């Protein structure tokens, strides 16, 4: 990092120039990467996507989580991140009020 050096007898600081250098490695490493189409079979590609059964299972889990939080049962063992707006109408209304307040405050500052 360039730092100015000051002479105690002068009030003007003189900046020292340092030459910066770049070094490159002389050896090349080559990595062969297969084409995406050749990487997996059609069955393997299909297994990466959610199926209808997966979707149903996820929806049931969400419903169970919401019920547990609303009834205060087993809520500490379930993650509610992203589901807060579904817990109660009051929570959703308060969240929307907070968002509106932040937007209005931001517009006032501009």
Foldseek 3Di string as FASTA:
>chain_A
DWDWDDDPVDPDTDTDDDDDDDDDDPDDDDDDDDDPVPPDDPVVVVVVDDDPVNVVVVVVVLVVQLVCVLVVHPNVVDDCVVVQCVNDVVSVVVVVVVVVVVVVVVVVVD
